[in-house]
Protein backbone atom coordinates (compact mmCIF):
# COMPACT_ATOMS: atom_id res chain seq x y z
CA MET A 1 0.04 0.04 0.02
CA GLU A 2 1.26 3.51 -0.97
CA GLU A 3 2.57 5.49 2.12
CA PRO A 4 -0.09 8.23 3.06
CA LEU A 5 0.72 11.75 2.10
CA LYS A 6 1.06 14.37 4.87
CA ASN A 7 0.07 18.02 4.26
CA ASN A 8 -1.07 21.03 6.18
CA ILE A 9 -4.65 22.01 5.37
CA SER A 10 -6.28 23.79 8.37
CA GLY A 11 -4.09 21.48 10.43
CA THR A 12 -2.20 18.31 9.70
CA PHE A 13 -3.82 15.34 8.05
CA LYS A 14 -2.90 12.16 6.14
CA ARG A 15 -4.53 11.16 2.92
CA GLY A 16 -5.18 7.39 2.51
CA ALA A 17 -4.42 6.05 -0.87
CA THR A 18 -5.96 2.72 -1.12
CA VAL A 19 -9.02 2.24 -3.20
CA GLY A 20 -10.99 -1.10 -3.03
CA THR A 21 -14.39 -2.52 -2.74
CA VAL A 22 -15.88 -4.93 -0.30
CA ALA A 23 -19.19 -6.36 -0.70
CA LEU A 24 -21.37 -5.52 2.18
CA GLY A 25 -23.70 -8.17 3.54
CA ALA A 26 -27.02 -8.31 1.90
CA MET A 27 -30.22 -7.92 3.78
CA ALA A 28 -32.73 -10.67 3.68
CA LEU A 29 -34.83 -10.82 0.51
CA LEU A 30 -32.63 -8.34 -1.34
CA LEU A 31 -31.40 -8.96 -4.82
CA THR A 32 -27.59 -9.16 -4.63
CA GLY A 33 -25.63 -8.15 -7.75
CA CYS A 34 -27.70 -8.82 -10.76
CA GLY A 35 -29.24 -12.15 -9.83
CA GLN A 36 -32.77 -13.06 -10.02
CA ALA A 37 -35.21 -10.23 -8.67
CA PRO A 38 -37.32 -11.02 -5.58
CA ALA A 39 -41.04 -11.07 -5.88
CA PRO A 40 -42.63 -7.63 -5.51
CA ALA A 41 -43.61 -6.47 -2.01
CA GLY A 42 -47.40 -6.16 -2.03
CA GLY A 43 -48.92 -2.96 -1.03
CA GLY A 44 -51.38 -2.73 1.90
CA GLY A 45 -51.35 0.71 3.15
CA SER A 46 -53.95 3.35 3.67
CA THR A 47 -54.84 3.71 -0.03
CA SER A 48 -54.52 -0.02 -0.87
CA GLY A 49 -57.97 0.17 -2.34
CA ASN A 50 -56.82 2.60 -4.94
CA ALA A 51 -56.49 0.68 -8.10
CA ALA A 52 -53.89 3.01 -9.45
CA ALA A 53 -51.74 2.51 -6.30
CA ALA A 54 -52.26 -1.38 -6.37
CA ASN A 55 -51.07 -1.68 -9.84
CA TYR A 56 -48.14 0.73 -9.38
CA LEU A 57 -44.59 -0.75 -9.14
CA GLY A 58 -41.95 1.29 -7.45
CA CYS A 59 -38.36 0.14 -7.54
CA ILE A 60 -35.09 1.13 -6.11
CA VAL A 61 -31.45 0.14 -6.87
CA SER A 62 -28.56 0.73 -4.38
CA ASP A 63 -25.04 1.61 -5.09
CA ALA A 64 -22.33 -0.68 -3.82
CA GLY A 65 -22.89 0.21 -0.21
CA GLY A 66 -25.87 -1.79 -0.06
CA PHE A 67 -29.20 -1.13 1.68
CA ASP A 68 -27.77 -1.75 5.16
CA ASP A 69 -25.03 0.94 4.87
CA GLN A 70 -26.48 2.97 7.80
CA SER A 71 -26.55 5.89 5.48
CA PHE A 72 -28.26 7.19 2.39
CA ASN A 73 -28.94 3.79 0.70
CA GLN A 74 -30.62 2.57 3.86
CA SER A 75 -32.64 5.78 4.37
CA SER A 76 -33.80 5.76 0.72
CA TYR A 77 -34.71 1.97 1.07
CA GLU A 78 -36.66 2.52 4.23
CA GLY A 79 -38.45 5.56 2.58
CA MET A 80 -39.60 3.13 -0.17
CA LYS A 81 -40.85 0.48 2.17
CA LYS A 82 -42.70 3.12 4.09
CA THR A 83 -44.26 4.18 0.76
CA VAL A 84 -45.47 0.64 0.29
CA THR A 85 -47.24 0.82 3.59
CA ASP A 86 -48.50 4.34 3.29
CA VAL A 87 -49.55 4.50 -0.24
CA GLY A 88 -50.28 0.77 -1.12
CA ILE A 89 -47.93 0.37 -4.09
CA LYS A 90 -45.84 -2.75 -5.02
CA MET A 91 -42.09 -2.77 -4.78
CA LYS A 92 -38.93 -4.36 -6.26
CA GLU A 93 -35.39 -3.80 -5.03
CA ALA A 94 -31.92 -4.50 -6.43
CA GLN A 95 -28.96 -4.32 -4.11
CA SER A 96 -25.58 -3.78 -6.00
CA SER A 97 -22.24 -5.31 -4.89
CA THR A 98 -20.09 -3.57 -7.29
CA LYS A 99 -20.35 -0.91 -9.77
CA SER A 100 -20.56 -3.52 -12.60
CA ASP A 101 -24.05 -4.44 -11.10
CA TYR A 102 -25.49 -0.90 -11.73
CA GLU A 103 -26.55 -1.21 -15.31
CA PRO A 104 -27.74 -4.85 -15.16
CA ASN A 105 -29.79 -4.22 -12.06
CA LEU A 106 -31.39 -1.06 -13.64
CA ASN A 107 -32.18 -3.11 -16.73
CA GLN A 108 -33.90 -5.64 -14.55
CA MET A 109 -36.10 -3.01 -13.06
CA ALA A 110 -36.92 -1.67 -16.48
CA ASN A 111 -37.65 -5.11 -17.81
CA ALA A 112 -39.99 -5.60 -14.78
CA GLY A 113 -42.01 -2.61 -15.92
CA CYS A 114 -41.29 -0.35 -12.78
CA ASN A 115 -43.24 2.74 -13.13
CA LEU A 116 -40.64 4.62 -11.12
CA THR A 117 -37.18 3.57 -10.21
CA PHE A 118 -34.96 5.22 -7.66
CA THR A 119 -31.29 4.95 -8.16
CA VAL A 120 -29.35 5.76 -4.99
CA GLY A 121 -26.13 7.74 -5.37
CA PHE A 122 -24.25 9.57 -8.03
CA LEU A 123 -22.26 6.64 -8.83
CA LEU A 124 -25.24 5.30 -10.69
CA ALA A 125 -25.48 8.39 -12.97
CA ASP A 126 -24.05 6.90 -16.18
CA ALA A 127 -26.11 3.63 -15.90
CA THR A 128 -29.32 5.73 -14.96
CA LYS A 129 -28.75 8.02 -18.01
CA LYS A 130 -28.30 5.10 -20.29
CA VAL A 131 -31.16 2.99 -19.09
CA ALA A 132 -33.46 5.97 -18.88
CA ALA A 133 -32.67 6.80 -22.46
CA ALA A 134 -33.54 3.32 -23.56
CA ASN A 135 -36.93 3.39 -21.58
CA THR A 136 -38.47 6.69 -22.23
CA ASP A 137 -41.85 5.44 -21.10
CA LEU A 138 -40.57 4.80 -17.64
CA HIS A 139 -39.68 7.24 -14.89
CA PHE A 140 -36.51 7.41 -12.89
CA ALA A 141 -35.29 9.44 -9.93
CA ILE A 142 -31.67 9.60 -8.93
CA ILE A 143 -30.54 10.67 -5.48
CA ASP A 144 -27.50 12.80 -4.92
CA ASP A 145 -26.95 13.66 -8.57
CA ASN A 146 -28.04 16.54 -10.72
CA SER A 147 -26.16 15.74 -13.97
CA ILE A 148 -28.85 14.12 -15.96
CA LYS A 149 -31.08 16.32 -18.11
CA ALA A 150 -33.91 14.00 -19.46
CA PRO A 151 -37.64 14.32 -19.35
CA ASN A 152 -38.02 10.99 -17.55
CA VAL A 153 -35.28 11.45 -14.86
CA LYS A 154 -35.88 13.54 -11.71
CA PRO A 155 -32.69 14.54 -9.79
CA VAL A 156 -33.00 14.49 -5.94
CA VAL A 157 -30.43 16.64 -4.29
CA TYR A 158 -29.82 18.26 -0.91
CA ASP A 159 -28.19 21.61 0.26
CA THR A 160 -26.58 19.81 3.12
CA ALA A 161 -24.24 22.80 3.69
CA GLN A 162 -27.19 24.35 5.47
CA ALA A 163 -27.65 21.67 8.18
CA ALA A 164 -23.81 21.00 8.37
CA PHE A 165 -23.31 24.70 9.21
CA MET A 166 -25.44 24.00 12.34
CA ALA A 167 -23.47 20.82 13.08
CA GLY A 168 -20.11 22.76 12.70
CA TYR A 169 -21.46 25.40 15.08
CA THR A 170 -22.54 22.76 17.54
CA ALA A 171 -19.13 20.99 17.26
CA ALA A 172 -17.20 24.12 17.96
CA SER A 173 -19.35 24.96 20.99
CA VAL A 174 -18.59 21.64 22.71
CA SER A 175 -14.94 21.24 21.66
CA LYS A 176 -12.60 21.22 24.60
CA THR A 177 -9.39 20.97 22.58
CA GLY A 178 -10.28 23.89 20.29
CA LYS A 179 -9.94 21.55 17.21
CA VAL A 180 -12.69 19.64 15.30
CA GLY A 181 -12.22 17.53 12.20
CA THR A 182 -13.75 16.22 9.15
CA PHE A 183 -12.90 13.84 6.30
CA GLY A 184 -14.47 12.67 3.07
CA GLY A 185 -14.69 9.63 1.11
CA ILE A 186 -13.84 11.09 -2.30
CA ASN A 187 -13.38 14.84 -3.15
CA ILE A 188 -16.71 15.20 -5.01
CA PRO A 189 -19.45 17.86 -4.62
CA THR A 190 -21.91 15.57 -2.63
CA VAL A 191 -19.16 15.08 -0.06
CA THR A 192 -17.49 18.54 0.09
CA ILE A 193 -20.90 20.39 0.44
CA PHE A 194 -21.12 18.82 3.98
CA MET A 195 -17.45 19.79 4.65
CA ASP A 196 -18.09 23.35 3.42
CA GLY A 197 -20.99 23.83 5.68
CA PHE A 198 -19.31 22.25 8.65
CA ALA A 199 -16.24 24.47 8.41
CA GLU A 200 -18.25 27.70 7.80
CA GLY A 201 -20.40 26.77 10.94
CA VAL A 202 -17.20 26.60 12.91
CA ALA A 203 -16.10 29.99 11.49
CA TYR A 204 -19.41 31.58 12.36
CA TYR A 205 -19.10 30.26 15.92
CA ASN A 206 -15.65 31.75 16.17
CA LYS A 207 -16.91 35.14 14.83
CA GLN A 208 -19.96 35.13 17.14
CA GLN A 209 -18.27 33.97 20.28
CA SER A 210 -14.84 35.53 19.67
CA LYS A 211 -13.22 31.98 19.70
CA ASP A 212 -10.63 30.37 17.48
CA VAL A 213 -11.67 26.77 17.11
CA LYS A 214 -9.71 25.06 14.26
CA VAL A 215 -11.00 22.87 11.57
CA LEU A 216 -8.84 19.87 10.66
CA GLY A 217 -9.23 18.02 7.32
CA TRP A 218 -10.82 20.69 5.18
CA ASN A 219 -10.03 24.07 3.81
CA VAL A 220 -13.01 25.86 2.20
CA ASP A 221 -10.87 28.32 0.15
CA THR A 222 -8.65 25.74 -1.56
CA GLN A 223 -11.30 22.95 -1.54
CA GLN A 224 -8.68 20.55 -0.39
CA GLY A 225 -8.54 18.25 2.62
CA LEU A 226 -8.49 14.77 4.05
CA PHE A 227 -10.00 11.93 1.90
CA ALA A 228 -9.99 8.26 2.24
CA ASN A 229 -10.29 7.83 -1.60
CA THR A 230 -12.86 5.13 -1.20
CA PHE A 231 -16.39 4.57 0.09
CA ASP A 232 -15.88 0.94 0.59
CA ILE A 233 -12.90 0.15 2.80
CA ILE A 234 -14.05 0.69 6.35
CA GLN A 235 -10.47 0.66 7.81
CA GLU A 236 -9.70 3.75 5.80
CA GLY A 237 -12.37 5.65 7.89
CA THR A 238 -10.61 4.35 11.06
CA LYS A 239 -7.26 5.59 9.73
CA ALA A 240 -8.49 9.03 8.84
CA THR A 241 -10.28 9.41 12.12
CA ASN A 242 -7.22 8.35 14.19
CA ASN A 243 -5.14 10.88 12.28
CA LEU A 244 -7.64 13.66 13.16
CA ILE A 245 -7.77 12.64 16.77
CA GLY A 246 -3.93 12.45 16.88
CA ASP A 247 -3.86 16.05 15.74
CA GLY A 248 -6.09 17.07 18.52
CA ALA A 249 -9.74 16.91 17.15
CA ASP A 250 -12.34 15.99 19.74
CA VAL A 251 -15.39 16.09 17.33
CA VAL A 252 -15.12 14.25 14.02
CA MET A 253 -17.64 14.36 11.10
CA PRO A 254 -16.95 11.57 8.46
CA VAL A 255 -18.59 12.14 5.08
CA ALA A 256 -17.94 8.84 3.55
CA GLY A 257 -20.88 6.49 3.74
CA PRO A 258 -20.07 3.16 5.26
CA LEU A 259 -16.66 4.56 6.39
CA GLY A 260 -18.65 6.31 9.13
CA LYS A 261 -18.45 2.92 10.87
CA GLY A 262 -14.72 3.06 10.86
CA ALA A 263 -14.82 6.58 12.31
CA GLY A 264 -17.09 5.42 15.13
CA ASP A 265 -14.89 2.47 15.89
CA ALA A 266 -11.87 4.79 16.13
CA ILE A 267 -13.65 7.17 18.44
CA LEU A 268 -14.83 4.33 20.78
CA ALA A 269 -11.44 2.94 20.94
CA ALA A 270 -9.81 6.43 21.69
CA ASN A 271 -12.35 7.08 24.41
CA LYS A 272 -11.55 3.82 26.08
CA ASP A 273 -7.97 5.07 26.17
CA GLY A 274 -9.11 8.26 27.93
CA LYS A 275 -10.02 10.56 25.10
CA ASP A 276 -13.33 12.41 24.99
CA VAL A 277 -14.27 12.48 21.32
CA LYS A 278 -17.63 12.95 19.77
CA LEU A 279 -18.99 11.88 16.42
CA VAL A 280 -21.14 13.74 13.90
CA TRP A 281 -23.07 11.36 11.55
CA VAL A 282 -24.31 12.29 8.08
CA ASP A 283 -27.23 11.42 5.71
CA SER A 284 -29.27 9.75 8.36
CA ASP A 285 -29.87 10.11 12.19
CA GLY A 286 -27.03 7.90 13.26
CA TYR A 287 -28.62 7.43 16.71
CA LEU A 288 -31.38 5.36 14.78
CA THR A 289 -29.31 3.90 12.06
CA ALA A 290 -25.94 3.19 13.76
CA PRO A 291 -26.94 2.50 17.44
CA THR A 292 -23.51 1.10 18.17
CA TYR A 293 -22.31 4.71 18.44
CA LYS A 294 -25.11 6.15 20.51
CA SER A 295 -22.88 7.01 23.42
CA ILE A 296 -20.45 9.17 21.36
CA LEU A 297 -22.95 10.63 18.90
CA LEU A 298 -23.24 14.42 19.11
CA THR A 299 -25.75 14.85 16.28
CA SER A 300 -26.29 14.09 12.61
CA VAL A 301 -26.61 16.12 9.42
CA VAL A 302 -29.80 14.55 8.03
CA LYS A 303 -31.12 14.20 4.48
CA THR A 304 -34.82 13.21 4.72
CA MET A 305 -34.54 10.96 1.79
CA GLY A 306 -37.50 8.79 2.75
CA GLU A 307 -39.88 11.78 2.76
CA ALA A 308 -38.48 12.79 -0.81
CA VAL A 309 -39.07 9.22 -1.98
CA GLU A 310 -42.59 9.06 -0.83
CA THR A 311 -43.51 12.58 -2.15
CA ILE A 312 -42.01 11.82 -5.59
CA VAL A 313 -44.01 8.52 -5.80
CA LYS A 314 -47.27 10.21 -4.88
CA ASP A 315 -46.70 12.89 -7.47
CA ASP A 316 -45.93 10.26 -10.10
CA LEU A 317 -49.23 8.36 -9.12
CA ALA A 318 -51.08 11.65 -9.58
CA GLY A 319 -49.60 12.26 -13.03
CA LYS A 320 -47.50 15.08 -11.73
CA PHE A 321 -43.99 13.67 -12.44
CA ASP A 322 -41.50 16.23 -13.78
CA PRO A 323 -37.77 16.37 -14.33
CA ALA A 324 -37.19 19.48 -12.19
CA PRO A 325 -34.76 18.79 -9.38
CA TYR A 326 -36.00 18.22 -5.91
CA ILE A 327 -33.71 20.24 -3.77
CA GLY A 328 -33.88 19.58 0.09
CA THR A 329 -33.25 22.50 2.33
CA LEU A 330 -33.74 23.61 5.77
CA ASP A 331 -36.85 25.47 4.80
CA ASN A 332 -38.64 22.58 3.13
CA GLY A 333 -37.46 20.06 5.69
CA GLY A 334 -35.24 18.17 3.19
CA VAL A 335 -32.23 18.55 5.52
CA ALA A 336 -32.09 18.87 9.18
CA LEU A 337 -29.94 18.83 12.24
CA ALA A 338 -30.82 15.65 14.25
CA PRO A 339 -31.49 15.74 17.96
CA PHE A 340 -28.58 15.58 20.31
CA HIS A 341 -30.14 12.29 22.03
CA ASP A 342 -27.89 11.01 24.78
CA LEU A 343 -25.44 13.88 24.49
CA ASP A 344 -28.18 16.51 24.98
CA SER A 345 -26.53 17.65 28.13
CA ALA A 346 -23.27 18.35 26.44
CA VAL A 347 -24.89 21.10 24.39
CA SER A 348 -25.69 24.32 26.51
CA ALA A 349 -28.99 26.01 26.55
CA ASP A 350 -27.36 29.07 25.04
CA THR A 351 -26.06 27.06 22.13
CA LYS A 352 -29.46 25.45 21.42
CA SER A 353 -31.02 28.96 21.52
CA GLN A 354 -28.41 30.22 19.09
CA LEU A 355 -28.94 27.19 16.82
CA ASP A 356 -32.64 28.20 16.70
CA THR A 357 -31.70 31.65 15.71
CA ILE A 358 -29.23 30.42 13.09
CA LYS A 359 -31.79 28.12 11.45
CA LYS A 360 -34.21 30.93 11.05
CA GLY A 361 -31.50 33.12 9.70
CA ILE A 362 -30.39 30.48 7.08
CA ILE A 363 -34.03 30.09 6.01
CA ASP A 364 -34.83 33.75 5.65
CA GLY A 365 -31.47 34.39 3.98
CA SER A 366 -29.89 36.70 6.60
CA ILE A 367 -27.14 34.04 7.26
CA LYS A 368 -25.49 32.84 4.13
CA VAL A 369 -23.94 29.39 3.78
CA PRO A 370 -21.94 29.52 0.59
CA SER A 371 -20.75 26.25 -0.96
CA LYS A 372 -19.42 25.70 -4.55
CA SER A 373 -21.16 22.31 -4.28
CA SER A 374 -24.63 23.61 -3.41
CA PRO A 375 -27.28 22.48 -5.88
CA LYS A 376 -28.64 25.18 -8.18
């Protein structure tokens, strides 16, 4: 393995250079790779008597992280399952193990006649574009990508910088070392938008409170920082987190999908050795999706993907599908700062009040959260 590089970007960090893929365990009844699809899940929800819903087939294809990634794949999948219950549709799912599964899995969904197929993650963009172009009578929605311009493809994107700003402010407020850190899986917009917001939230805290909390692992100006260069190798998340902790960070926000588990494991181990480090989860409320880390979880930067899935399905059923991007914001509830749960007492009443004010300011535009990666 190539030796990690060492640079100074808002502090010292190491950049992992290993890229690889591990197949995550498939959940029961999921389609692994491009094998035979499972039978559709029958609808039985509040509108199950609606003939249109009963005959509607909603489908979902994961990226290589799988539907049990404790992150955006899982949140989207659970949103689809909830839609089955609430709306009364039928459902098929295909779990990808590697990128070579994307196009075959999408073709299986198209061949099954899926009215609407959700593809989870920017990594499926090429396959989604190709399969959608070959099946113009079917609808697709791609989560975390806004690159496809087609009448039958709806992008679903999130201005996560807004909620990450609040997480950065919170992290700075609880830091005892005066250093907080973040790292990404790969340097791409859907990752760096979190890192931008987090760093800007810390900067806002410093300005408002006359403090000097440092951000390790990301520089907003240069758009460079600490990256594992993978979304698959959990140990790279552990390595990156240990680097940040070694440099003094006592709050860490991983933006790397399944590598968040590696970050959580590193923090649990460090705290056993006398450290007091806290974790900020992303995409889903980690308290619910990654309960192993409840004791160290400060908060989460949440994309409410399940709600978006259900809304888009309902619109499609009503004949209102359109290719205009769905953009999740604090204002429409598409992004949010999760509760502090077990660490609620670590966040002062003053900070909580300030966060309420900050949220209102971001929504009304009086507080700006600029990010080069924000969806337009």
